[in-house]
N, C-alpha and C. Protein backbone atom coordinates (compact mmCIF):
# COMPACT_ATOMS: atom_id res chain seq x y z
N MET A 1 0.77 -1.19 0.01
CA MET A 1 -0.01 0.06 -0.08
C MET A 1 0.89 1.23 0.00
N ASN A 2 0.74 2.05 -0.96
CA ASN A 2 1.55 3.29 -1.14
C ASN A 2 0.86 4.55 -0.57
N ASP A 3 -0.32 4.34 -0.10
CA ASP A 3 -1.08 5.55 0.50
C ASP A 3 -0.10 6.21 1.68
N ARG A 4 -0.16 7.46 1.74
CA ARG A 4 0.28 8.09 2.88
C ARG A 4 -0.72 7.90 3.97
N SER A 5 -0.27 7.71 5.28
CA SER A 5 -1.20 7.35 6.36
C SER A 5 -0.88 8.20 7.55
N VAL A 6 -1.91 8.24 8.48
CA VAL A 6 -1.70 8.88 9.73
C VAL A 6 -2.02 7.71 10.75
N LEU A 7 -1.01 7.54 11.71
CA LEU A 7 -1.18 6.59 12.78
C LEU A 7 -1.42 7.32 14.07
N TYR A 8 -2.65 7.20 14.60
CA TYR A 8 -2.89 7.94 15.91
C TYR A 8 -2.55 7.07 17.16
N VAL A 9 -1.80 7.92 17.99
CA VAL A 9 -1.14 7.11 19.04
C VAL A 9 -1.16 8.14 20.19
N ASN A 10 -0.79 7.72 21.46
CA ASN A 10 -0.41 8.48 22.66
C ASN A 10 0.30 7.48 23.51
N PRO A 11 1.63 7.27 23.27
CA PRO A 11 2.29 6.19 24.10
C PRO A 11 2.39 6.48 25.59
N GLU A 12 2.41 7.85 25.92
CA GLU A 12 2.45 8.10 27.37
C GLU A 12 1.25 7.87 28.12
N LYS A 13 0.12 7.69 27.40
CA LYS A 13 -1.24 7.48 28.03
C LYS A 13 -1.81 6.08 27.78
N TYR A 14 -1.53 5.71 26.54
CA TYR A 14 -2.20 4.27 26.15
C TYR A 14 -1.15 3.37 25.89
N CYS A 15 -0.91 2.35 26.63
CA CYS A 15 0.25 1.47 26.41
C CYS A 15 0.12 0.58 25.19
N ARG A 16 -1.19 0.43 24.61
CA ARG A 16 -1.32 -0.27 23.30
C ARG A 16 -0.63 0.37 22.13
N THR A 17 -0.31 1.73 22.40
CA THR A 17 0.18 2.48 21.19
C THR A 17 1.72 2.59 21.27
N VAL A 18 2.28 2.08 22.29
CA VAL A 18 3.74 2.26 22.50
C VAL A 18 4.47 1.49 21.33
N LEU A 19 4.19 0.29 21.01
CA LEU A 19 4.91 -0.43 19.94
C LEU A 19 4.63 0.16 18.58
N PRO A 20 3.48 0.48 18.21
CA PRO A 20 3.24 1.10 16.89
C PRO A 20 4.14 2.37 16.66
N ALA A 21 4.18 3.25 17.67
CA ALA A 21 5.03 4.39 17.61
C ALA A 21 6.41 4.08 17.48
N ILE A 22 6.96 3.09 18.23
CA ILE A 22 8.33 2.67 18.16
C ILE A 22 8.61 2.17 16.83
N PHE A 23 7.67 1.30 16.31
CA PHE A 23 8.07 0.71 14.95
C PHE A 23 8.14 1.79 13.86
N VAL A 24 7.18 2.77 13.84
CA VAL A 24 7.32 3.82 12.87
C VAL A 24 8.62 4.39 12.81
N ASN A 25 9.23 4.79 13.97
CA ASN A 25 10.40 5.55 14.14
C ASN A 25 11.55 4.52 13.88
N ARG A 26 11.50 3.34 14.44
CA ARG A 26 12.66 2.40 14.31
C ARG A 26 12.86 1.98 12.81
N TYR A 27 11.75 1.90 12.02
CA TYR A 27 11.89 1.46 10.58
C TYR A 27 11.85 2.58 9.62
N LYS A 28 11.81 3.77 10.08
CA LYS A 28 11.82 4.91 9.34
C LYS A 28 10.73 4.85 8.16
N LEU A 29 9.46 4.55 8.69
CA LEU A 29 8.32 4.50 7.81
C LEU A 29 7.80 5.89 7.36
N GLU A 30 8.39 6.40 6.35
CA GLU A 30 8.24 7.82 6.05
C GLU A 30 6.81 8.10 5.47
N ASN A 31 6.16 7.08 5.01
CA ASN A 31 4.73 7.30 4.56
C ASN A 31 3.69 7.32 5.63
N ILE A 32 4.17 7.06 6.86
CA ILE A 32 3.22 7.09 8.09
C ILE A 32 3.60 8.13 8.95
N LYS A 33 2.60 9.09 9.16
CA LYS A 33 2.81 10.28 10.12
C LYS A 33 2.20 9.94 11.51
N LEU A 34 2.96 10.04 12.54
CA LEU A 34 2.41 9.84 13.82
C LEU A 34 1.66 11.06 14.29
N ALA A 35 0.50 10.87 14.92
CA ALA A 35 -0.36 11.89 15.39
C ALA A 35 -0.64 11.54 16.89
N THR A 36 -0.24 12.43 17.76
CA THR A 36 -0.59 12.15 19.22
C THR A 36 -1.99 12.71 19.50
N VAL A 37 -2.78 11.87 20.16
CA VAL A 37 -4.15 12.32 20.26
C VAL A 37 -4.61 12.04 21.72
N ASN A 38 -5.65 12.66 22.02
CA ASN A 38 -6.49 12.50 23.21
C ASN A 38 -7.81 11.98 22.66
N LEU A 39 -8.19 10.82 23.40
CA LEU A 39 -9.40 10.21 22.91
C LEU A 39 -10.73 11.11 23.00
N GLU A 40 -10.62 12.22 23.77
CA GLU A 40 -11.77 13.15 23.98
C GLU A 40 -11.75 14.24 22.89
N ASP A 41 -10.66 14.29 22.02
CA ASP A 41 -10.60 15.33 21.07
C ASP A 41 -11.78 15.27 20.11
N ASP A 42 -12.46 16.40 19.82
CA ASP A 42 -13.63 16.27 19.03
C ASP A 42 -13.40 15.90 17.61
N GLU A 43 -12.26 16.23 17.05
CA GLU A 43 -12.00 15.72 15.68
C GLU A 43 -11.74 14.30 15.66
N PHE A 44 -11.01 13.80 16.68
CA PHE A 44 -10.72 12.28 16.73
C PHE A 44 -12.16 11.55 16.91
N LYS A 45 -12.98 12.03 17.78
CA LYS A 45 -14.26 11.39 18.04
C LYS A 45 -15.11 11.43 16.79
N ARG A 46 -15.00 12.48 15.93
CA ARG A 46 -15.75 12.56 14.70
C ARG A 46 -15.23 11.45 13.68
N LEU A 47 -13.94 11.31 13.68
CA LEU A 47 -13.32 10.34 12.69
C LEU A 47 -13.46 8.97 13.19
N PHE A 48 -13.45 8.74 14.52
CA PHE A 48 -13.42 7.44 15.07
C PHE A 48 -14.30 7.47 16.34
N PRO A 49 -15.59 7.25 16.08
CA PRO A 49 -16.54 7.26 17.21
C PRO A 49 -16.33 6.18 18.24
N TYR A 50 -15.63 5.05 17.90
CA TYR A 50 -15.26 4.03 18.76
C TYR A 50 -14.17 4.49 19.83
N GLN A 51 -13.56 5.50 19.44
CA GLN A 51 -12.54 6.12 20.42
C GLN A 51 -11.57 5.17 20.99
N LYS A 52 -10.98 4.43 20.09
CA LYS A 52 -9.75 3.49 20.47
C LYS A 52 -8.56 3.86 19.67
N VAL A 53 -7.42 3.61 20.24
CA VAL A 53 -6.21 3.72 19.59
C VAL A 53 -5.32 2.46 20.00
N PRO A 54 -4.36 2.06 19.07
CA PRO A 54 -4.01 2.89 17.85
C PRO A 54 -4.94 2.58 16.68
N VAL A 55 -4.84 3.51 15.71
CA VAL A 55 -5.60 3.31 14.50
C VAL A 55 -4.85 4.10 13.41
N ILE A 56 -4.92 3.44 12.21
CA ILE A 56 -4.30 4.02 11.01
C ILE A 56 -5.40 4.52 10.04
N ARG A 57 -5.27 5.72 9.50
CA ARG A 57 -6.14 6.13 8.48
C ARG A 57 -5.32 6.58 7.38
N THR A 58 -5.68 5.99 6.14
CA THR A 58 -4.85 6.42 4.90
C THR A 58 -5.47 7.56 4.12
N ASP A 59 -4.71 8.25 3.26
CA ASP A 59 -5.24 9.28 2.47
C ASP A 59 -6.47 8.87 1.65
N SER A 60 -6.55 7.56 1.21
CA SER A 60 -7.60 7.10 0.38
C SER A 60 -8.74 6.69 1.25
N GLY A 61 -8.74 6.83 2.67
CA GLY A 61 -9.89 6.57 3.47
C GLY A 61 -9.88 5.27 4.07
N LYS A 62 -8.87 4.35 3.82
CA LYS A 62 -8.88 3.05 4.45
C LYS A 62 -8.47 3.25 5.94
N ARG A 63 -8.94 2.34 6.79
CA ARG A 63 -8.64 2.34 8.19
C ARG A 63 -8.15 1.08 8.74
N LEU A 64 -7.37 1.01 9.62
CA LEU A 64 -6.85 -0.25 10.24
C LEU A 64 -6.84 0.04 11.78
N THR A 65 -7.57 -0.92 12.49
CA THR A 65 -7.73 -0.75 13.88
C THR A 65 -7.15 -1.97 14.49
N GLU A 66 -6.92 -2.06 15.88
CA GLU A 66 -6.52 -3.14 16.63
C GLU A 66 -4.95 -3.14 16.62
N ALA A 67 -4.37 -3.19 17.79
CA ALA A 67 -3.01 -3.06 17.99
C ALA A 67 -2.27 -4.23 17.40
N MET A 68 -2.62 -5.47 17.47
CA MET A 68 -2.02 -6.59 17.02
C MET A 68 -2.03 -6.50 15.50
N ALA A 69 -3.12 -6.12 14.87
CA ALA A 69 -3.04 -5.95 13.34
C ALA A 69 -2.05 -4.87 12.93
N ILE A 70 -2.11 -3.82 13.63
CA ILE A 70 -1.17 -2.66 13.30
C ILE A 70 0.18 -3.03 13.39
N ASN A 71 0.62 -3.70 14.55
CA ASN A 71 1.99 -4.07 14.70
C ASN A 71 2.44 -4.98 13.74
N TYR A 72 1.71 -5.95 13.27
CA TYR A 72 1.88 -6.89 12.19
C TYR A 72 2.19 -6.09 10.95
N TYR A 73 1.22 -5.16 10.52
CA TYR A 73 1.33 -4.41 9.27
C TYR A 73 2.58 -3.62 9.32
N LEU A 74 2.97 -2.84 10.34
CA LEU A 74 4.13 -2.07 10.49
C LEU A 74 5.41 -2.98 10.34
N LEU A 75 5.42 -4.05 10.86
CA LEU A 75 6.60 -4.93 10.82
C LEU A 75 6.79 -5.41 9.40
N LYS A 76 5.60 -5.85 8.72
CA LYS A 76 5.79 -6.27 7.31
C LYS A 76 6.12 -5.10 6.42
N LEU A 77 5.68 -3.92 6.73
CA LEU A 77 5.95 -2.76 5.93
C LEU A 77 7.49 -2.36 6.04
N SER A 78 8.15 -2.74 7.12
CA SER A 78 9.51 -2.35 7.38
C SER A 78 10.43 -3.10 6.36
N GLY A 79 10.10 -4.11 5.81
CA GLY A 79 11.02 -4.82 4.88
C GLY A 79 12.20 -5.46 5.55
N ASN A 80 12.26 -5.40 6.98
CA ASN A 80 13.34 -5.98 7.66
C ASN A 80 13.00 -7.46 7.91
N GLU A 81 13.44 -8.28 7.01
CA GLU A 81 13.02 -9.74 6.99
C GLU A 81 13.62 -10.42 8.19
N GLU A 82 14.84 -10.03 8.59
CA GLU A 82 15.43 -10.74 9.76
C GLU A 82 14.67 -10.41 11.06
N GLU A 83 14.28 -9.12 11.18
CA GLU A 83 13.63 -8.76 12.39
C GLU A 83 12.25 -9.34 12.32
N CYS A 84 11.58 -9.36 11.22
CA CYS A 84 10.29 -10.03 11.06
C CYS A 84 10.27 -11.40 11.53
N LYS A 85 11.30 -12.11 11.13
CA LYS A 85 11.46 -13.61 11.45
C LYS A 85 11.65 -13.73 12.90
N THR A 86 12.37 -12.87 13.61
CA THR A 86 12.60 -12.96 14.97
C THR A 86 11.29 -12.52 15.73
N LEU A 87 10.64 -11.41 15.40
CA LEU A 87 9.54 -10.99 16.16
C LEU A 87 8.24 -11.71 15.83
N LEU A 88 8.02 -12.10 14.64
CA LEU A 88 6.82 -12.80 14.19
C LEU A 88 6.89 -14.29 14.11
N GLY A 89 8.18 -14.82 14.09
CA GLY A 89 8.28 -16.18 14.00
C GLY A 89 8.66 -16.64 12.48
N PRO A 90 9.46 -17.70 12.31
CA PRO A 90 9.75 -18.16 10.91
C PRO A 90 8.51 -18.45 10.07
N GLN A 91 8.51 -18.22 8.76
CA GLN A 91 7.45 -18.48 7.93
C GLN A 91 7.18 -20.02 8.07
N ASP A 92 8.24 -20.86 8.01
CA ASP A 92 8.10 -22.26 7.94
C ASP A 92 7.83 -22.93 9.40
N ASP A 93 7.51 -22.13 10.32
CA ASP A 93 7.29 -22.64 11.70
C ASP A 93 5.88 -22.13 12.22
N PRO A 94 4.86 -22.69 11.68
CA PRO A 94 3.53 -22.11 12.07
C PRO A 94 3.15 -22.27 13.53
N TRP A 95 3.83 -23.29 14.25
CA TRP A 95 3.57 -23.53 15.65
C TRP A 95 4.13 -22.27 16.42
N THR A 96 5.34 -21.84 16.11
CA THR A 96 5.93 -20.72 16.80
C THR A 96 5.17 -19.45 16.53
N GLN A 97 4.76 -19.30 15.27
CA GLN A 97 3.94 -18.14 14.90
C GLN A 97 2.67 -18.02 15.65
N ALA A 98 2.07 -19.29 15.81
CA ALA A 98 0.76 -19.35 16.44
C ALA A 98 1.04 -19.06 17.95
N GLU A 99 2.05 -19.54 18.65
CA GLU A 99 2.34 -19.20 19.93
C GLU A 99 2.49 -17.63 20.26
N ILE A 100 3.23 -17.07 19.29
CA ILE A 100 3.44 -15.67 19.37
C ILE A 100 2.07 -14.90 19.34
N ILE A 101 1.20 -15.32 18.43
CA ILE A 101 -0.16 -14.78 18.44
C ILE A 101 -0.89 -15.03 19.72
N ARG A 102 -0.85 -16.21 20.07
CA ARG A 102 -1.58 -16.58 21.34
C ARG A 102 -1.22 -15.65 22.59
N TRP A 103 0.08 -15.51 22.77
CA TRP A 103 0.62 -14.72 23.91
C TRP A 103 0.15 -13.26 23.79
N GLN A 104 0.33 -12.71 22.54
CA GLN A 104 -0.08 -11.36 22.22
C GLN A 104 -1.54 -11.21 22.60
N SER A 105 -2.37 -12.03 22.08
CA SER A 105 -3.86 -11.87 22.27
C SER A 105 -4.28 -12.03 23.70
N PHE A 106 -3.51 -12.81 24.51
CA PHE A 106 -3.85 -13.02 25.94
C PHE A 106 -3.41 -11.70 26.66
N ALA A 107 -2.27 -11.19 26.43
CA ALA A 107 -1.63 -10.03 27.14
C ALA A 107 -2.36 -8.68 26.69
N ASN A 108 -2.64 -8.62 25.43
CA ASN A 108 -3.24 -7.37 24.86
C ASN A 108 -4.79 -7.37 25.01
N GLY A 109 -5.36 -8.55 25.29
CA GLY A 109 -6.82 -8.62 25.37
C GLY A 109 -7.25 -8.84 26.71
N ASP A 110 -7.54 -10.08 27.23
CA ASP A 110 -8.09 -10.33 28.50
C ASP A 110 -7.21 -9.68 29.67
N PHE A 111 -5.95 -9.98 29.65
CA PHE A 111 -5.11 -9.39 30.69
C PHE A 111 -5.14 -8.02 30.85
N LEU A 112 -4.88 -7.23 29.69
CA LEU A 112 -4.89 -5.71 29.78
C LEU A 112 -6.15 -5.11 30.08
N ASN A 113 -7.20 -5.73 29.60
CA ASN A 113 -8.48 -5.25 29.85
C ASN A 113 -8.91 -5.30 31.27
N GLU A 114 -8.57 -6.40 32.00
CA GLU A 114 -8.86 -6.52 33.40
C GLU A 114 -7.90 -5.73 34.23
N MET A 115 -6.72 -5.61 33.83
CA MET A 115 -5.75 -4.73 34.54
C MET A 115 -6.15 -3.26 34.43
N ASN A 116 -6.73 -2.82 33.29
CA ASN A 116 -7.42 -1.55 33.22
C ASN A 116 -8.53 -1.30 34.19
N ASN A 117 -9.41 -2.34 34.24
CA ASN A 117 -10.62 -2.27 35.13
C ASN A 117 -10.29 -2.29 36.47
N TYR A 118 -9.04 -2.88 36.83
CA TYR A 118 -8.62 -2.91 38.19
C TYR A 118 -7.91 -1.59 38.53
N ALA A 119 -6.99 -1.14 37.74
CA ALA A 119 -6.14 -0.02 38.16
C ALA A 119 -6.72 1.36 37.84
N LYS A 120 -7.37 1.50 36.70
CA LYS A 120 -7.77 2.91 36.32
C LYS A 120 -8.66 3.50 37.40
N PRO A 121 -9.73 2.87 37.91
CA PRO A 121 -10.50 3.55 38.83
C PRO A 121 -9.78 4.03 40.14
N LEU A 122 -8.81 3.20 40.49
CA LEU A 122 -7.93 3.58 41.66
C LEU A 122 -7.13 4.91 41.58
N VAL A 123 -6.87 5.25 40.26
CA VAL A 123 -5.99 6.35 40.06
C VAL A 123 -6.74 7.49 39.27
N GLY A 124 -8.05 7.43 39.29
CA GLY A 124 -8.88 8.41 38.79
C GLY A 124 -8.95 8.51 37.25
N LEU A 125 -8.71 7.34 36.55
CA LEU A 125 -8.75 7.37 35.13
C LEU A 125 -10.03 6.70 34.62
N GLN A 126 -10.88 6.26 35.55
CA GLN A 126 -12.15 5.60 35.16
C GLN A 126 -13.11 5.74 36.38
N ALA A 127 -14.44 5.62 36.13
CA ALA A 127 -15.32 5.81 37.17
C ALA A 127 -15.15 4.80 38.27
N PHE A 128 -15.22 5.11 39.61
CA PHE A 128 -14.97 4.31 40.72
C PHE A 128 -16.14 3.46 41.01
N ASP A 129 -15.89 2.07 41.28
CA ASP A 129 -16.86 1.24 41.62
C ASP A 129 -16.09 0.04 42.38
N ALA A 130 -16.32 0.16 43.73
CA ALA A 130 -15.46 -0.72 44.56
C ALA A 130 -15.64 -2.20 44.17
N LYS A 131 -16.85 -2.58 44.02
CA LYS A 131 -17.15 -4.01 43.74
C LYS A 131 -16.49 -4.48 42.42
N ALA A 132 -16.58 -3.57 41.45
CA ALA A 132 -16.07 -3.94 40.15
C ALA A 132 -14.58 -3.97 40.17
N ILE A 133 -13.93 -3.10 40.94
CA ILE A 133 -12.46 -3.20 41.16
C ILE A 133 -12.05 -4.51 41.72
N VAL A 134 -12.74 -4.91 42.71
CA VAL A 134 -12.35 -6.15 43.43
C VAL A 134 -12.54 -7.33 42.48
N GLU A 135 -13.68 -7.40 41.66
CA GLU A 135 -13.89 -8.52 40.81
C GLU A 135 -12.78 -8.44 39.63
N ALA A 136 -12.39 -7.20 39.17
CA ALA A 136 -11.26 -7.11 38.08
C ALA A 136 -9.98 -7.64 38.71
N LYS A 137 -9.68 -7.22 40.00
CA LYS A 137 -8.49 -7.69 40.60
C LYS A 137 -8.43 -9.22 40.75
N LYS A 138 -9.58 -9.82 41.12
CA LYS A 138 -9.73 -11.33 41.16
C LYS A 138 -9.34 -11.98 39.79
N ARG A 139 -9.96 -11.36 38.71
CA ARG A 139 -9.58 -11.92 37.38
C ARG A 139 -8.20 -11.57 37.06
N VAL A 140 -7.50 -10.59 37.38
CA VAL A 140 -6.10 -10.35 37.14
C VAL A 140 -5.29 -11.51 37.84
N ASP A 141 -5.69 -11.77 39.00
CA ASP A 141 -5.06 -12.64 39.89
C ASP A 141 -5.22 -14.08 39.45
N THR A 142 -6.16 -14.42 38.67
CA THR A 142 -6.14 -15.73 37.99
C THR A 142 -5.35 -15.85 36.80
N MET A 143 -5.03 -14.76 36.10
CA MET A 143 -4.15 -14.78 34.94
C MET A 143 -2.71 -14.73 35.24
N VAL A 144 -2.30 -13.93 36.26
CA VAL A 144 -0.89 -13.69 36.61
C VAL A 144 -0.08 -14.94 36.78
N PRO A 145 -0.76 -15.99 37.46
CA PRO A 145 0.08 -17.28 37.57
C PRO A 145 0.43 -18.03 36.23
N ILE A 146 -0.43 -17.64 35.21
CA ILE A 146 -0.03 -18.24 33.88
C ILE A 146 1.28 -17.67 33.44
N PHE A 147 1.52 -16.41 33.64
CA PHE A 147 2.74 -15.79 33.21
C PHE A 147 3.92 -16.24 34.15
N GLU A 148 3.63 -16.18 35.45
CA GLU A 148 4.69 -16.58 36.48
C GLU A 148 5.21 -17.95 36.35
N ASP A 149 4.25 -18.87 36.13
CA ASP A 149 4.61 -20.36 36.05
C ASP A 149 5.47 -20.45 34.76
N HIS A 150 4.93 -19.95 33.71
CA HIS A 150 5.58 -20.14 32.43
C HIS A 150 7.12 -19.47 32.42
N LEU A 151 7.09 -18.28 33.00
CA LEU A 151 8.43 -17.57 32.96
C LEU A 151 9.36 -18.14 34.15
N SER A 152 8.92 -18.96 34.94
CA SER A 152 9.73 -19.65 35.97
C SER A 152 10.59 -20.68 35.18
N LYS A 153 10.08 -21.12 34.09
CA LYS A 153 10.69 -22.24 33.33
C LYS A 153 11.33 -21.79 31.98
N HIS A 154 10.91 -20.68 31.61
CA HIS A 154 11.38 -20.10 30.19
C HIS A 154 11.83 -18.75 30.37
N ARG A 155 12.83 -18.42 29.55
CA ARG A 155 13.48 -17.09 29.61
C ARG A 155 12.44 -16.05 29.01
N TYR A 156 11.91 -16.47 27.89
CA TYR A 156 10.93 -15.65 27.21
C TYR A 156 9.57 -16.32 27.04
N LEU A 157 8.59 -15.76 26.47
CA LEU A 157 7.33 -16.35 26.38
C LEU A 157 7.20 -17.48 25.41
N VAL A 158 7.95 -17.34 24.22
CA VAL A 158 7.79 -18.30 23.26
C VAL A 158 9.10 -19.13 22.82
N ASN A 159 10.16 -18.46 22.68
CA ASN A 159 11.42 -19.25 22.31
C ASN A 159 12.58 -18.56 23.06
N GLU A 160 13.82 -18.65 22.52
CA GLU A 160 14.94 -18.02 23.14
C GLU A 160 15.23 -16.61 22.70
N ASN A 161 14.28 -16.06 22.01
CA ASN A 161 14.35 -14.67 21.55
C ASN A 161 13.19 -13.86 22.06
N ILE A 162 13.36 -12.47 22.21
CA ILE A 162 12.34 -11.59 22.45
C ILE A 162 11.50 -11.56 21.17
N THR A 163 10.29 -11.85 21.28
CA THR A 163 9.42 -11.86 20.14
C THR A 163 8.40 -10.83 20.43
N LEU A 164 7.54 -10.75 19.28
CA LEU A 164 6.46 -9.67 19.49
C LEU A 164 5.41 -10.07 20.71
N ALA A 165 5.42 -11.25 21.04
CA ALA A 165 4.66 -11.66 22.30
C ALA A 165 5.30 -11.08 23.53
N ASP A 166 6.61 -10.99 23.63
CA ASP A 166 7.27 -10.39 24.73
C ASP A 166 7.05 -8.96 24.89
N LEU A 167 7.23 -8.42 23.62
CA LEU A 167 7.12 -6.95 23.61
C LEU A 167 5.73 -6.40 23.89
N THR A 168 4.64 -7.12 23.33
CA THR A 168 3.34 -6.79 23.79
C THR A 168 3.07 -7.02 25.15
N ALA A 169 3.35 -8.09 25.66
CA ALA A 169 3.14 -8.41 27.10
C ALA A 169 3.82 -7.44 28.00
N ALA A 170 5.08 -7.14 27.75
CA ALA A 170 5.81 -6.16 28.55
C ALA A 170 5.04 -4.72 28.64
N THR A 171 4.55 -4.35 27.43
CA THR A 171 3.94 -3.00 27.46
C THR A 171 2.55 -3.10 28.25
N SER A 172 1.97 -4.26 28.16
CA SER A 172 0.73 -4.36 29.05
C SER A 172 1.00 -4.50 30.48
N PHE A 173 2.07 -5.09 30.79
CA PHE A 173 2.39 -5.20 32.28
C PHE A 173 2.94 -3.79 32.80
N SER A 174 3.58 -2.96 31.81
CA SER A 174 4.00 -1.68 32.31
C SER A 174 2.98 -0.88 32.98
N PHE A 175 1.73 -0.93 32.48
CA PHE A 175 0.60 -0.21 33.14
C PHE A 175 0.35 -0.60 34.53
N GLY A 176 0.29 -1.96 34.69
CA GLY A 176 0.23 -2.52 36.14
C GLY A 176 1.41 -2.13 37.01
N PHE A 177 2.59 -2.19 36.48
CA PHE A 177 3.68 -1.85 37.27
C PHE A 177 3.79 -0.45 37.73
N THR A 178 3.08 0.44 36.90
CA THR A 178 3.13 1.93 37.14
C THR A 178 2.13 2.21 38.22
N PHE A 179 1.05 1.41 38.33
CA PHE A 179 0.02 1.80 39.34
C PHE A 179 -0.33 0.80 40.51
N VAL A 180 -0.22 -0.37 40.19
CA VAL A 180 -0.81 -1.38 41.22
C VAL A 180 0.00 -2.56 41.54
N LEU A 181 0.97 -2.94 40.78
CA LEU A 181 1.84 -4.14 40.91
C LEU A 181 3.07 -3.69 41.81
N ASP A 182 2.80 -3.54 43.04
CA ASP A 182 3.77 -2.76 43.88
C ASP A 182 4.87 -3.64 44.39
N LYS A 183 5.71 -3.11 45.24
CA LYS A 183 6.96 -3.82 45.75
C LYS A 183 6.52 -5.19 46.41
N GLU A 184 5.47 -5.28 47.12
CA GLU A 184 5.14 -6.58 47.74
C GLU A 184 4.82 -7.61 46.65
N TRP A 185 3.96 -7.12 45.64
CA TRP A 185 3.60 -8.01 44.57
C TRP A 185 4.87 -8.51 43.75
N ARG A 186 5.75 -7.53 43.57
CA ARG A 186 6.91 -7.84 42.75
C ARG A 186 7.76 -8.92 43.52
N GLN A 187 7.80 -8.83 44.83
CA GLN A 187 8.57 -9.87 45.61
C GLN A 187 8.04 -11.31 45.44
N GLU A 188 6.66 -11.32 45.17
CA GLU A 188 6.04 -12.62 45.15
C GLU A 188 5.98 -13.17 43.64
N HIS A 189 6.45 -12.31 42.67
CA HIS A 189 6.46 -12.76 41.34
C HIS A 189 7.77 -12.44 40.64
N PRO A 190 8.88 -13.07 41.07
CA PRO A 190 10.21 -12.76 40.61
C PRO A 190 10.38 -13.03 39.06
N SER A 191 9.76 -14.12 38.69
CA SER A 191 9.91 -14.51 37.33
C SER A 191 9.44 -13.39 36.31
N ILE A 192 8.27 -13.01 36.60
CA ILE A 192 7.70 -11.91 35.77
C ILE A 192 8.56 -10.66 35.77
N VAL A 193 8.97 -10.23 37.01
CA VAL A 193 9.80 -9.07 37.15
C VAL A 193 11.13 -9.17 36.45
N ASN A 194 11.81 -10.40 36.49
CA ASN A 194 13.14 -10.47 35.84
C ASN A 194 12.84 -10.37 34.25
N TRP A 195 11.88 -11.09 33.85
CA TRP A 195 11.53 -11.09 32.37
C TRP A 195 11.23 -9.70 31.89
N PHE A 196 10.35 -9.00 32.64
CA PHE A 196 9.94 -7.60 32.35
C PHE A 196 11.18 -6.68 32.19
N ASN A 197 12.06 -6.82 33.20
CA ASN A 197 13.23 -5.85 33.16
C ASN A 197 14.10 -6.27 31.98
N GLU A 198 14.20 -7.52 31.64
CA GLU A 198 15.17 -7.76 30.55
C GLU A 198 14.44 -7.32 29.24
N VAL A 199 13.23 -7.51 29.12
CA VAL A 199 12.47 -7.03 27.83
C VAL A 199 12.50 -5.58 27.63
N ILE A 200 12.23 -4.88 28.69
CA ILE A 200 12.11 -3.34 28.42
C ILE A 200 13.62 -2.79 28.40
N ASN A 201 14.51 -3.58 28.72
CA ASN A 201 15.97 -3.06 28.53
C ASN A 201 16.68 -3.65 27.23
N GLY A 202 15.81 -4.27 26.46
CA GLY A 202 16.22 -4.80 25.13
C GLY A 202 16.31 -3.70 24.13
N ASP A 203 16.76 -4.07 23.01
CA ASP A 203 17.06 -3.04 21.93
C ASP A 203 15.81 -2.31 21.56
N ILE A 204 14.60 -2.93 21.48
CA ILE A 204 13.55 -2.26 20.90
C ILE A 204 12.74 -1.22 22.01
N LEU A 205 12.70 -1.68 23.18
CA LEU A 205 11.92 -0.89 24.15
C LEU A 205 12.84 -0.05 25.00
N ARG A 206 14.13 -0.14 24.97
CA ARG A 206 15.06 0.49 26.00
C ARG A 206 14.87 1.95 26.03
N ASP A 207 14.81 2.63 24.83
CA ASP A 207 14.75 4.14 24.87
C ASP A 207 13.43 4.63 25.50
N PHE A 208 12.27 3.89 25.15
CA PHE A 208 10.96 4.48 25.70
C PHE A 208 10.95 4.23 27.20
N TYR A 209 11.49 3.08 27.71
CA TYR A 209 11.36 2.80 29.07
C TYR A 209 12.52 3.16 29.90
N GLN A 210 13.42 3.92 29.40
CA GLN A 210 14.72 4.20 30.07
C GLN A 210 14.49 4.83 31.47
N ASP A 211 13.43 5.54 31.74
CA ASP A 211 13.15 6.20 32.96
C ASP A 211 11.95 5.49 33.69
N PHE A 212 11.64 4.36 33.44
CA PHE A 212 10.51 3.81 33.98
C PHE A 212 10.62 3.63 35.49
N VAL A 213 9.46 3.92 36.18
CA VAL A 213 9.47 3.93 37.69
C VAL A 213 8.34 2.92 38.12
N PHE A 214 8.64 1.96 39.03
CA PHE A 214 7.71 1.09 39.56
C PHE A 214 7.03 1.75 40.61
N VAL A 215 5.72 1.40 40.77
CA VAL A 215 4.94 1.86 41.94
C VAL A 215 5.54 1.16 43.16
N GLU A 216 5.55 1.86 44.38
CA GLU A 216 6.04 1.23 45.58
C GLU A 216 4.94 0.65 46.47
N LYS A 217 3.81 1.36 46.50
CA LYS A 217 2.66 0.88 47.20
C LYS A 217 1.36 1.05 46.43
N LYS A 218 0.65 0.04 46.23
CA LYS A 218 -0.62 0.15 45.45
C LYS A 218 -1.59 0.89 46.21
N PRO A 219 -2.51 1.61 45.55
CA PRO A 219 -3.64 2.40 46.19
C PRO A 219 -4.59 1.36 46.97
N HIS A 220 -5.08 1.83 48.08
CA HIS A 220 -6.04 1.02 48.86
C HIS A 220 -7.45 1.06 48.20
N ILE A 221 -8.08 -0.08 48.16
CA ILE A 221 -9.42 -0.14 47.64
C ILE A 221 -10.53 0.31 48.65
N PRO A 222 -11.08 1.57 48.65
CA PRO A 222 -12.05 1.89 49.67
C PRO A 222 -13.35 0.92 49.55
N GLN A 223 -13.90 0.66 50.57
CA GLN A 223 -15.17 -0.20 50.65
C GLN A 223 -16.38 0.72 50.73
């Protein structure tokens, strides 16, 4: 596709947009302009009533939504075959490719959605409902052991390389580590913490997360 495009992101506010913004800059995708948006901007709401980012809009009017689809598109657009092979999995290894998709979907979907429902109300980013927060935390607590158990036995999520699965999951965990996954939680989940630190200090995420600060004490859930 030769259309010039606009990619709407806000990496400082919406962790699903971190990777798309990084990929555009990393691969020097000159036909794609980055536009930092607030979901409440009138013009953005007019163009995208669904009010979700990231989203790509081309000059010809085509639109591409969903972070997983956009990350895949940008990687393919890069023309960097070696990095695509590492991040997406080898073309002749459908199992590895499927595992990468599986972990991306889990981290970017169920896990991050419930983490948002748990953390956002506690820090004033979403309407407060104590019962809903408790329920969301319970659901997060059922998913965390899947990561901890797996990472206690494996360096990364899929193979011996940092793949798109690790990058996606790390950006999802970054939201939790910023607001609710505090020092006590981190002491109880050393495998996740070690993996997270290694991934965000890797070549692709290092610059964005160089000043990352972990929350020390999670907010109390008022009853």
